Amino acid sequence: SNEYIVVGAHYDHLGWGGETSSSLDPDVHAIHNGADDNGSGTAAILELAEYFSYTENKNRRGLIFTAFGGEEEGLLGSSKFVENPPVKLENICAMLNLDMVGRMEENKLVVGGTGTSLLWNELLHKLNSDSLQLSFDEEGYGSSDHQSFYINNIPVIFFFTGAHKDYHRPSDDIDKINFLGLKKIT
């Protein structure tokens, strides 16, 4: 009852882009909505938080839902979270990170961090009720918020549907989101 699972996603993106941002179209001064990176992950954690608020927690572990700022500028929000956690850091037993989960193709989902706990592979296969084609990456490091937890010895899982040509560009917009795929992942 004193163990917690953190479910997180970052909500920041690149604003208007430009030369000082990490936009891959640095000469284009236009709003970068970041529908996939990471409106998709943020929408997923909001749906999960609502679902679990109406569902009896049979796991007996607490769930902490959090949206991080500053991911695009160097994992700033998640770093601050682990520096000042709402519960003792040693009571956080896992972190699930959703980043760029809105562009699923061919039912494929990349799951990073599977080597950070001996339980992940078996658990992911068991819970894959939608028959997603899972691709495992054992690494706990990565350029997203789960890394802040991993370097603090917390097992992590990172859900990701893959890179695409709209990454860090103004064209990463809602019309390209695969809503049925996002629902399956969530």
N, C-alpha and C. Protein backbone atom coordinates (compact mmCIF):
# COMPACT_ATOMS: atom_id res chain seq x y z
N SER A 1 0.82 -1.21 0.00
CA SER A 1 0.00 0.00 0.00
C SER A 1 0.85 1.26 0.00
N ASN A 2 2.14 1.13 0.24
CA ASN A 2 2.99 2.32 0.19
C ASN A 2 3.91 2.32 -1.03
N GLU A 3 3.54 1.54 -2.05
CA GLU A 3 4.29 1.54 -3.31
C GLU A 3 3.48 2.24 -4.38
N TYR A 4 4.18 2.90 -5.30
CA TYR A 4 3.52 3.72 -6.32
C TYR A 4 4.07 3.44 -7.70
N ILE A 5 3.20 3.57 -8.69
CA ILE A 5 3.58 3.53 -10.09
C ILE A 5 3.30 4.91 -10.66
N VAL A 6 4.31 5.49 -11.28
CA VAL A 6 4.16 6.80 -11.92
C VAL A 6 3.82 6.58 -13.39
N VAL A 7 2.78 7.24 -13.87
CA VAL A 7 2.38 7.21 -15.28
C VAL A 7 2.53 8.64 -15.78
N GLY A 8 3.42 8.85 -16.75
CA GLY A 8 3.70 10.21 -17.15
C GLY A 8 3.84 10.40 -18.65
N ALA A 9 3.79 11.68 -19.02
CA ALA A 9 4.00 12.13 -20.39
C ALA A 9 4.39 13.60 -20.33
N HIS A 10 5.10 14.05 -21.32
CA HIS A 10 5.44 15.49 -21.33
C HIS A 10 4.44 16.25 -22.18
N TYR A 11 4.14 17.48 -21.75
CA TYR A 11 3.15 18.28 -22.46
C TYR A 11 3.75 19.45 -23.22
N ASP A 12 5.04 19.67 -23.11
CA ASP A 12 5.65 20.79 -23.83
C ASP A 12 6.00 20.39 -25.25
N HIS A 13 6.11 21.40 -26.11
CA HIS A 13 6.62 21.16 -27.46
C HIS A 13 7.48 22.36 -27.84
N LEU A 14 7.47 22.78 -29.08
CA LEU A 14 8.47 23.75 -29.56
C LEU A 14 7.91 25.14 -29.82
N GLY A 15 6.66 25.39 -29.45
CA GLY A 15 6.11 26.72 -29.66
C GLY A 15 6.12 27.13 -31.12
N TRP A 16 6.71 28.27 -31.39
CA TRP A 16 6.78 28.81 -32.76
C TRP A 16 7.99 28.28 -33.53
N GLY A 17 8.77 27.41 -32.92
CA GLY A 17 9.93 26.87 -33.63
C GLY A 17 11.03 27.91 -33.73
N GLY A 18 11.69 27.94 -34.86
CA GLY A 18 12.76 28.92 -35.08
C GLY A 18 14.13 28.35 -34.78
N GLU A 19 15.13 29.17 -35.03
CA GLU A 19 16.53 28.75 -34.92
C GLU A 19 16.94 28.31 -33.53
N THR A 20 16.37 28.91 -32.50
CA THR A 20 16.80 28.58 -31.13
C THR A 20 16.06 27.37 -30.56
N SER A 21 15.13 26.81 -31.31
CA SER A 21 14.40 25.63 -30.85
C SER A 21 15.04 24.38 -31.47
N SER A 22 14.52 23.23 -31.15
CA SER A 22 15.01 22.00 -31.76
C SER A 22 14.15 21.59 -32.96
N SER A 23 13.51 22.59 -33.57
CA SER A 23 12.71 22.34 -34.77
C SER A 23 13.61 21.82 -35.89
N LEU A 24 13.09 20.85 -36.62
CA LEU A 24 13.83 20.35 -37.78
C LEU A 24 13.53 21.16 -39.03
N ASP A 25 12.70 22.19 -38.88
CA ASP A 25 12.48 23.23 -39.89
C ASP A 25 12.82 24.57 -39.25
N PRO A 26 14.10 24.80 -38.90
CA PRO A 26 14.46 25.99 -38.11
C PRO A 26 14.21 27.32 -38.82
N ASP A 27 14.09 27.30 -40.14
CA ASP A 27 13.84 28.54 -40.87
C ASP A 27 12.36 28.88 -40.96
N VAL A 28 11.50 27.98 -40.47
CA VAL A 28 10.05 28.18 -40.52
C VAL A 28 9.58 28.69 -39.17
N HIS A 29 9.01 29.89 -39.17
CA HIS A 29 8.44 30.45 -37.94
C HIS A 29 6.94 30.19 -37.98
N ALA A 30 6.56 29.03 -37.41
CA ALA A 30 5.14 28.62 -37.39
C ALA A 30 4.90 27.78 -36.15
N ILE A 31 3.67 27.80 -35.69
CA ILE A 31 3.34 27.04 -34.49
C ILE A 31 3.60 25.55 -34.71
N HIS A 32 4.24 24.95 -33.76
CA HIS A 32 4.52 23.52 -33.75
C HIS A 32 3.57 22.90 -32.73
N ASN A 33 2.44 22.39 -33.18
CA ASN A 33 1.43 21.89 -32.25
C ASN A 33 1.87 20.64 -31.50
N GLY A 34 2.69 19.82 -32.10
CA GLY A 34 3.16 18.62 -31.40
C GLY A 34 2.04 17.65 -31.09
N ALA A 35 1.16 17.41 -32.05
CA ALA A 35 0.03 16.52 -31.81
C ALA A 35 0.49 15.13 -31.39
N ASP A 36 1.53 14.62 -32.03
CA ASP A 36 2.07 13.33 -31.62
C ASP A 36 3.11 13.51 -30.52
N ASP A 37 3.94 14.52 -30.64
CA ASP A 37 5.03 14.76 -29.69
C ASP A 37 4.75 16.03 -28.87
N ASN A 38 3.96 16.03 -27.80
CA ASN A 38 3.47 14.81 -27.21
C ASN A 38 2.03 15.00 -26.75
N GLY A 39 1.22 15.60 -27.63
CA GLY A 39 -0.20 15.66 -27.33
C GLY A 39 -0.79 14.27 -27.17
N SER A 40 -0.27 13.31 -27.93
CA SER A 40 -0.80 11.95 -27.87
C SER A 40 -0.56 11.32 -26.49
N GLY A 41 0.64 11.45 -25.97
CA GLY A 41 0.95 10.88 -24.65
C GLY A 41 0.18 11.57 -23.54
N THR A 42 0.05 12.88 -23.64
CA THR A 42 -0.70 13.63 -22.64
C THR A 42 -2.16 13.23 -22.64
N ALA A 43 -2.75 13.07 -23.83
CA ALA A 43 -4.14 12.63 -23.93
C ALA A 43 -4.29 11.23 -23.32
N ALA A 44 -3.33 10.37 -23.55
CA ALA A 44 -3.39 9.00 -23.02
C ALA A 44 -3.38 9.00 -21.50
N ILE A 45 -2.50 9.79 -20.86
CA ILE A 45 -2.47 9.76 -19.40
C ILE A 45 -3.74 10.37 -18.81
N LEU A 46 -4.32 11.36 -19.48
CA LEU A 46 -5.58 11.92 -18.99
C LEU A 46 -6.69 10.87 -19.05
N GLU A 47 -6.75 10.11 -20.13
CA GLU A 47 -7.74 9.03 -20.25
C GLU A 47 -7.51 7.96 -19.19
N LEU A 48 -6.26 7.59 -18.97
CA LEU A 48 -5.94 6.58 -17.96
C LEU A 48 -6.30 7.07 -16.56
N ALA A 49 -6.00 8.32 -16.28
CA ALA A 49 -6.34 8.87 -14.96
C ALA A 49 -7.85 8.84 -14.74
N GLU A 50 -8.61 9.21 -15.76
CA GLU A 50 -10.06 9.16 -15.62
C GLU A 50 -10.54 7.72 -15.43
N TYR A 51 -10.03 6.81 -16.23
CA TYR A 51 -10.42 5.40 -16.12
C TYR A 51 -10.16 4.87 -14.71
N PHE A 52 -8.94 5.08 -14.21
CA PHE A 52 -8.59 4.53 -12.91
C PHE A 52 -9.27 5.26 -11.75
N SER A 53 -9.76 6.48 -11.99
CA SER A 53 -10.50 7.16 -10.92
C SER A 53 -11.86 6.51 -10.69
N TYR A 54 -12.37 5.77 -11.68
CA TYR A 54 -13.65 5.09 -11.56
C TYR A 54 -13.51 3.58 -11.38
N THR A 55 -12.29 3.09 -11.32
CA THR A 55 -12.03 1.65 -11.26
C THR A 55 -11.39 1.30 -9.93
N GLU A 56 -11.85 0.25 -9.30
CA GLU A 56 -11.26 -0.20 -8.05
C GLU A 56 -9.82 -0.63 -8.31
N ASN A 57 -8.91 -0.16 -7.49
CA ASN A 57 -7.50 -0.49 -7.63
C ASN A 57 -7.23 -1.82 -6.96
N LYS A 58 -7.21 -2.88 -7.75
CA LYS A 58 -6.99 -4.22 -7.22
C LYS A 58 -5.50 -4.52 -7.03
N ASN A 59 -4.65 -3.69 -7.55
CA ASN A 59 -3.21 -3.90 -7.44
C ASN A 59 -2.67 -3.49 -6.08
N ARG A 60 -3.39 -2.67 -5.38
CA ARG A 60 -3.00 -2.14 -4.08
C ARG A 60 -1.78 -1.23 -4.13
N ARG A 61 -1.37 -0.86 -5.30
CA ARG A 61 -0.31 0.14 -5.44
C ARG A 61 -0.98 1.46 -5.84
N GLY A 62 -0.43 2.53 -5.33
CA GLY A 62 -0.95 3.83 -5.72
C GLY A 62 -0.49 4.20 -7.12
N LEU A 63 -1.29 5.00 -7.79
CA LEU A 63 -0.95 5.47 -9.12
C LEU A 63 -0.76 6.98 -9.06
N ILE A 64 0.33 7.45 -9.62
CA ILE A 64 0.60 8.88 -9.70
C ILE A 64 0.64 9.25 -11.17
N PHE A 65 -0.31 10.07 -11.60
CA PHE A 65 -0.36 10.54 -12.99
C PHE A 65 0.27 11.93 -13.01
N THR A 66 1.20 12.13 -13.94
CA THR A 66 1.88 13.41 -13.99
C THR A 66 2.20 13.80 -15.43
N ALA A 67 2.10 15.08 -15.70
CA ALA A 67 2.49 15.63 -17.00
C ALA A 67 3.70 16.53 -16.75
N PHE A 68 4.77 16.27 -17.49
CA PHE A 68 6.02 16.99 -17.29
C PHE A 68 6.17 18.14 -18.27
N GLY A 69 6.71 19.24 -17.81
CA GLY A 69 7.14 20.33 -18.67
C GLY A 69 8.64 20.20 -18.89
N GLY A 70 9.15 20.87 -19.90
CA GLY A 70 10.59 20.96 -20.11
C GLY A 70 11.27 19.71 -20.65
N GLU A 71 10.51 18.74 -21.16
CA GLU A 71 11.15 17.55 -21.72
C GLU A 71 11.98 17.93 -22.93
N GLU A 72 11.43 18.78 -23.78
CA GLU A 72 12.12 19.17 -25.02
C GLU A 72 13.38 19.99 -24.75
N GLU A 73 13.51 20.51 -23.54
CA GLU A 73 14.68 21.31 -23.20
C GLU A 73 15.66 20.56 -22.31
N GLY A 74 15.45 19.24 -22.17
CA GLY A 74 16.41 18.45 -21.42
C GLY A 74 15.84 17.72 -20.22
N LEU A 75 14.64 17.20 -20.30
CA LEU A 75 14.02 16.41 -19.23
C LEU A 75 13.92 17.19 -17.92
N LEU A 76 13.65 18.48 -18.02
CA LEU A 76 13.65 19.34 -16.84
C LEU A 76 12.57 18.97 -15.84
N GLY A 77 11.35 18.76 -16.30
CA GLY A 77 10.25 18.45 -15.38
C GLY A 77 10.41 17.13 -14.68
N SER A 78 10.78 16.09 -15.42
CA SER A 78 10.94 14.77 -14.80
C SER A 78 12.15 14.75 -13.86
N SER A 79 13.18 15.51 -14.18
CA SER A 79 14.34 15.61 -13.27
C SER A 79 13.94 16.25 -11.95
N LYS A 80 13.14 17.30 -12.04
CA LYS A 80 12.66 17.96 -10.81
C LYS A 80 11.73 17.05 -10.03
N PHE A 81 10.93 16.25 -10.74
CA PHE A 81 10.02 15.32 -10.08
C PHE A 81 10.81 14.36 -9.19
N VAL A 82 11.87 13.75 -9.73
CA VAL A 82 12.63 12.78 -8.94
C VAL A 82 13.47 13.45 -7.85
N GLU A 83 13.79 14.72 -8.04
CA GLU A 83 14.49 15.47 -6.99
C GLU A 83 13.57 15.81 -5.83
N ASN A 84 12.29 16.04 -6.14
CA ASN A 84 11.29 16.43 -5.15
C ASN A 84 10.02 15.61 -5.33
N PRO A 85 10.07 14.31 -5.15
CA PRO A 85 8.90 13.47 -5.42
C PRO A 85 7.79 13.69 -4.39
N PRO A 86 6.54 13.45 -4.79
CA PRO A 86 5.42 13.62 -3.86
C PRO A 86 5.35 12.51 -2.82
N VAL A 87 6.08 11.42 -3.05
CA VAL A 87 6.23 10.31 -2.10
C VAL A 87 7.72 10.00 -2.05
N LYS A 88 8.13 9.19 -1.08
CA LYS A 88 9.54 8.81 -1.02
C LYS A 88 9.94 8.12 -2.32
N LEU A 89 11.07 8.51 -2.87
CA LEU A 89 11.53 7.95 -4.14
C LEU A 89 11.66 6.42 -4.07
N GLU A 90 12.09 5.90 -2.95
CA GLU A 90 12.23 4.45 -2.81
C GLU A 90 10.88 3.73 -2.81
N ASN A 91 9.78 4.47 -2.69
CA ASN A 91 8.45 3.86 -2.74
C ASN A 91 7.87 3.85 -4.15
N ILE A 92 8.58 4.44 -5.10
CA ILE A 92 8.15 4.39 -6.50
C ILE A 92 8.76 3.12 -7.10
N CYS A 93 7.90 2.17 -7.47
CA CYS A 93 8.39 0.87 -7.93
C CYS A 93 8.46 0.77 -9.46
N ALA A 94 7.87 1.73 -10.18
CA ALA A 94 7.93 1.70 -11.65
C ALA A 94 7.48 3.04 -12.21
N MET A 95 7.92 3.33 -13.44
CA MET A 95 7.48 4.52 -14.16
C MET A 95 7.12 4.10 -15.57
N LEU A 96 5.91 4.46 -16.01
CA LEU A 96 5.44 4.21 -17.37
C LEU A 96 5.39 5.54 -18.09
N ASN A 97 6.05 5.64 -19.22
CA ASN A 97 6.15 6.88 -19.98
C ASN A 97 5.50 6.72 -21.34
N LEU A 98 4.62 7.64 -21.69
CA LEU A 98 3.97 7.64 -23.01
C LEU A 98 4.45 8.86 -23.77
N ASP A 99 5.20 8.66 -24.83
CA ASP A 99 5.75 9.75 -25.62
C ASP A 99 5.68 9.35 -27.09
N MET A 100 4.92 10.11 -27.86
CA MET A 100 4.72 9.86 -29.28
C MET A 100 4.04 8.50 -29.50
N VAL A 101 2.82 8.39 -29.02
CA VAL A 101 2.05 7.16 -29.15
C VAL A 101 0.83 7.33 -30.06
N GLY A 102 0.84 8.37 -30.88
CA GLY A 102 -0.34 8.67 -31.69
C GLY A 102 -0.24 8.34 -33.17
N ARG A 103 0.83 7.72 -33.60
CA ARG A 103 0.99 7.47 -35.04
C ARG A 103 1.24 5.99 -35.31
N MET A 104 0.51 5.12 -34.61
CA MET A 104 0.72 3.69 -34.78
C MET A 104 0.38 3.27 -36.21
N GLU A 105 1.25 2.46 -36.79
CA GLU A 105 1.05 1.88 -38.11
C GLU A 105 1.19 0.37 -38.00
N GLU A 106 0.37 -0.34 -38.74
CA GLU A 106 0.43 -1.80 -38.80
C GLU A 106 0.39 -2.45 -37.43
N ASN A 107 -0.28 -1.79 -36.47
CA ASN A 107 -0.49 -2.35 -35.14
C ASN A 107 0.81 -2.55 -34.36
N LYS A 108 1.85 -1.75 -34.69
CA LYS A 108 3.18 -1.91 -34.08
C LYS A 108 3.40 -0.88 -32.98
N LEU A 109 3.95 -1.36 -31.87
CA LEU A 109 4.27 -0.51 -30.73
C LEU A 109 5.66 -0.87 -30.22
N VAL A 110 6.52 0.13 -30.08
CA VAL A 110 7.85 -0.06 -29.50
C VAL A 110 7.71 0.13 -27.99
N VAL A 111 8.28 -0.80 -27.25
CA VAL A 111 8.26 -0.72 -25.79
C VAL A 111 9.71 -0.71 -25.32
N GLY A 112 10.14 0.43 -24.83
CA GLY A 112 11.49 0.57 -24.33
C GLY A 112 11.56 0.30 -22.84
N GLY A 113 12.75 0.01 -22.36
CA GLY A 113 12.97 -0.20 -20.94
C GLY A 113 12.69 -1.61 -20.46
N THR A 114 12.47 -2.53 -21.38
CA THR A 114 12.08 -3.88 -20.96
C THR A 114 13.18 -4.63 -20.21
N GLY A 115 14.40 -4.15 -20.30
CA GLY A 115 15.49 -4.77 -19.55
C GLY A 115 15.66 -4.20 -18.15
N THR A 116 14.83 -3.23 -17.77
CA THR A 116 14.99 -2.59 -16.46
C THR A 116 14.29 -3.36 -15.34
N SER A 117 13.51 -4.37 -15.69
CA SER A 117 12.87 -5.24 -14.70
C SER A 117 12.72 -6.63 -15.31
N LEU A 118 12.94 -7.64 -14.51
CA LEU A 118 12.77 -9.02 -14.98
C LEU A 118 11.31 -9.35 -15.26
N LEU A 119 10.39 -8.53 -14.77
CA LEU A 119 8.96 -8.79 -14.92
C LEU A 119 8.37 -8.28 -16.24
N TRP A 120 9.03 -7.31 -16.88
CA TRP A 120 8.39 -6.61 -18.00
C TRP A 120 8.01 -7.52 -19.17
N ASN A 121 8.92 -8.33 -19.67
CA ASN A 121 8.63 -9.14 -20.87
C ASN A 121 7.41 -10.03 -20.67
N GLU A 122 7.40 -10.79 -19.58
CA GLU A 122 6.27 -11.69 -19.33
C GLU A 122 4.97 -10.91 -19.13
N LEU A 123 5.04 -9.84 -18.37
CA LEU A 123 3.85 -9.03 -18.10
C LEU A 123 3.29 -8.40 -19.37
N LEU A 124 4.16 -7.88 -20.22
CA LEU A 124 3.71 -7.23 -21.45
C LEU A 124 3.06 -8.23 -22.40
N HIS A 125 3.63 -9.41 -22.51
CA HIS A 125 3.01 -10.44 -23.35
C HIS A 125 1.65 -10.86 -22.80
N LYS A 126 1.56 -11.01 -21.49
CA LYS A 126 0.32 -11.43 -20.84
C LYS A 126 -0.79 -10.39 -21.02
N LEU A 127 -0.44 -9.12 -20.91
CA LEU A 127 -1.43 -8.05 -20.95
C LEU A 127 -1.73 -7.51 -22.34
N ASN A 128 -1.10 -8.04 -23.35
CA ASN A 128 -1.27 -7.55 -24.72
C ASN A 128 -2.59 -8.08 -25.30
N SER A 129 -3.69 -7.60 -24.76
CA SER A 129 -5.01 -8.10 -25.14
C SER A 129 -5.44 -7.67 -26.53
N ASP A 130 -4.86 -6.62 -27.07
CA ASP A 130 -5.23 -6.14 -28.41
C ASP A 130 -4.34 -6.73 -29.49
N SER A 131 -3.51 -7.67 -29.12
CA SER A 131 -2.59 -8.32 -30.06
C SER A 131 -1.75 -7.31 -30.82
N LEU A 132 -1.25 -6.31 -30.12
CA LEU A 132 -0.32 -5.37 -30.72
C LEU A 132 0.97 -6.10 -31.06
N GLN A 133 1.62 -5.68 -32.12
CA GLN A 133 2.92 -6.23 -32.48
C GLN A 133 3.97 -5.46 -31.69
N LEU A 134 4.38 -6.04 -30.57
CA LEU A 134 5.32 -5.36 -29.68
C LEU A 134 6.75 -5.59 -30.12
N SER A 135 7.51 -4.52 -30.11
CA SER A 135 8.93 -4.58 -30.38
C SER A 135 9.63 -4.09 -29.11
N PHE A 136 10.46 -4.93 -28.50
CA PHE A 136 11.08 -4.60 -27.23
C PHE A 136 12.47 -4.01 -27.41
N ASP A 137 12.74 -3.01 -26.59
CA ASP A 137 14.06 -2.41 -26.48
C ASP A 137 14.39 -2.44 -24.99
N GLU A 138 15.43 -3.14 -24.62
CA GLU A 138 15.75 -3.33 -23.21
C GLU A 138 16.28 -2.08 -22.52
N GLU A 139 16.78 -1.13 -23.27
CA GLU A 139 17.47 0.03 -22.72
C GLU A 139 16.55 0.92 -21.88
N GLY A 140 17.06 1.37 -20.74
CA GLY A 140 16.32 2.29 -19.87
C GLY A 140 16.66 3.74 -20.13
N TYR A 141 17.79 3.96 -20.80
CA TYR A 141 18.14 5.33 -21.17
C TYR A 141 17.38 5.71 -22.43
N GLY A 142 17.20 6.99 -22.64
CA GLY A 142 16.52 7.46 -23.83
C GLY A 142 16.27 8.94 -23.72
N SER A 143 15.84 9.54 -24.78
CA SER A 143 15.65 10.99 -24.78
C SER A 143 14.22 11.35 -24.39
N SER A 144 13.73 10.75 -23.32
CA SER A 144 12.41 11.09 -22.82
C SER A 144 12.40 10.92 -21.30
N ASP A 145 11.29 11.29 -20.68
CA ASP A 145 11.22 11.44 -19.23
C ASP A 145 11.47 10.18 -18.42
N HIS A 146 11.31 9.02 -18.98
CA HIS A 146 11.58 7.79 -18.23
C HIS A 146 13.04 7.72 -17.78
N GLN A 147 13.93 8.35 -18.53
CA GLN A 147 15.35 8.31 -18.19
C GLN A 147 15.62 8.88 -16.81
N SER A 148 14.90 9.94 -16.42
CA SER A 148 15.11 10.54 -15.10
C SER A 148 14.83 9.55 -13.98
N PHE A 149 13.91 8.64 -14.22
CA PHE A 149 13.58 7.62 -13.22
C PHE A 149 14.59 6.47 -13.28
N TYR A 150 14.95 6.07 -14.48
CA TYR A 150 15.89 4.96 -14.64
C TYR A 150 17.23 5.25 -13.97
N ILE A 151 17.75 6.44 -14.12
CA ILE A 151 19.04 6.76 -13.50
C ILE A 151 18.94 6.83 -11.98
N ASN A 152 17.71 6.76 -11.46
CA ASN A 152 17.48 6.68 -10.03
C ASN A 152 17.04 5.26 -9.62
N ASN A 153 17.42 4.29 -10.44
CA ASN A 153 17.19 2.86 -10.15
C ASN A 153 15.72 2.47 -10.05
N ILE A 154 14.88 3.12 -10.83
CA ILE A 154 13.46 2.78 -10.89
C ILE A 154 13.20 2.12 -12.23
N PRO A 155 12.60 0.92 -12.25
CA PRO A 155 12.27 0.27 -13.52
C PRO A 155 11.32 1.14 -14.35
N VAL A 156 11.54 1.13 -15.66
CA VAL A 156 10.75 2.00 -16.55
C VAL A 156 10.23 1.22 -17.74
N ILE A 157 9.15 1.75 -18.29
CA ILE A 157 8.62 1.30 -19.58
C ILE A 157 8.35 2.57 -20.39
N PHE A 158 8.72 2.53 -21.65
CA PHE A 158 8.56 3.67 -22.55
C PHE A 158 7.78 3.20 -23.77
N PHE A 159 6.56 3.73 -23.93
CA PHE A 159 5.72 3.38 -25.07
C PHE A 159 5.90 4.42 -26.17
N PHE A 160 6.08 3.94 -27.43
CA PHE A 160 6.47 4.81 -28.55
C PHE A 160 6.03 4.15 -29.85
N THR A 161 5.40 4.92 -30.74
CA THR A 161 4.96 4.33 -32.02
C THR A 161 5.93 4.60 -33.16
N GLY A 162 7.02 5.27 -32.89
CA GLY A 162 8.05 5.43 -33.91
C GLY A 162 8.20 6.85 -34.44
N ALA A 163 9.35 7.08 -35.03
CA ALA A 163 9.66 8.38 -35.62
C ALA A 163 8.91 8.53 -36.95
N HIS A 164 8.73 9.78 -37.36
CA HIS A 164 8.05 10.07 -38.62
C HIS A 164 8.54 11.40 -39.17
N LYS A 165 8.19 11.70 -40.40
CA LYS A 165 8.70 12.89 -41.08
C LYS A 165 8.20 14.20 -40.48
N ASP A 166 7.16 14.14 -39.64
CA ASP A 166 6.62 15.36 -39.03
C ASP A 166 7.23 15.67 -37.67
N TYR A 167 8.13 14.81 -37.20
CA TYR A 167 8.77 14.98 -35.89
C TYR A 167 9.46 16.35 -35.82
N HIS A 168 9.12 17.12 -34.79
CA HIS A 168 9.69 18.44 -34.53
C HIS A 168 9.51 19.41 -35.71
N ARG A 169 8.36 19.28 -36.36
CA ARG A 169 8.03 20.18 -37.46
C ARG A 169 6.60 20.72 -37.25
N PRO A 170 6.27 21.83 -37.88
CA PRO A 170 4.91 22.36 -37.76
C PRO A 170 3.85 21.39 -38.29
N SER A 171 4.25 20.43 -39.09
CA SER A 171 3.29 19.49 -39.69
C SER A 171 2.85 18.37 -38.74
N ASP A 172 3.40 18.32 -37.51
CA ASP A 172 2.96 17.33 -36.52
C ASP A 172 1.62 17.80 -35.96
N ASP A 173 0.57 17.52 -36.71
CA ASP A 173 -0.75 18.05 -36.38
C ASP A 173 -1.78 16.94 -36.20
N ILE A 174 -2.90 17.29 -35.68
CA ILE A 174 -3.94 16.35 -35.26
C ILE A 174 -4.49 15.50 -36.41
N ASP A 175 -4.47 16.02 -37.62
CA ASP A 175 -5.03 15.26 -38.74
C ASP A 175 -4.25 13.97 -39.05
N LYS A 176 -3.06 13.84 -38.47
CA LYS A 176 -2.25 12.65 -38.72
C LYS A 176 -2.29 11.64 -37.56
N ILE A 177 -3.04 11.95 -36.53
CA ILE A 177 -3.13 11.05 -35.37
C ILE A 177 -4.02 9.85 -35.72
N ASN A 178 -3.56 8.67 -35.36
CA ASN A 178 -4.31 7.45 -35.50
C ASN A 178 -5.06 7.23 -34.18
N PHE A 179 -6.29 7.72 -34.11
CA PHE A 179 -7.04 7.69 -32.85
C PHE A 179 -7.39 6.27 -32.41
N LEU A 180 -7.67 5.38 -33.33
CA LEU A 180 -7.97 3.99 -32.95
C LEU A 180 -6.72 3.32 -32.38
N GLY A 181 -5.58 3.59 -32.98
CA GLY A 181 -4.32 3.06 -32.47
C GLY A 181 -3.99 3.63 -31.09
N LEU A 182 -4.21 4.92 -30.92
CA LEU A 182 -3.96 5.57 -29.63
C LEU A 182 -4.86 4.96 -28.55
N LYS A 183 -6.09 4.68 -28.92
CA LYS A 183 -7.01 4.04 -27.96
C LYS A 183 -6.51 2.65 -27.58
N LYS A 184 -6.03 1.87 -28.53
CA LYS A 184 -5.50 0.54 -28.23
C LYS A 184 -4.32 0.62 -27.26
N ILE A 185 -3.42 1.54 -27.53
CA ILE A 185 -2.23 1.69 -26.68
C ILE A 185 -2.64 2.11 -25.28
N THR A 186 -3.55 3.04 -25.20
CA THR A 186 -4.00 3.54 -23.89
C THR A 186 -4.68 2.44 -23.12
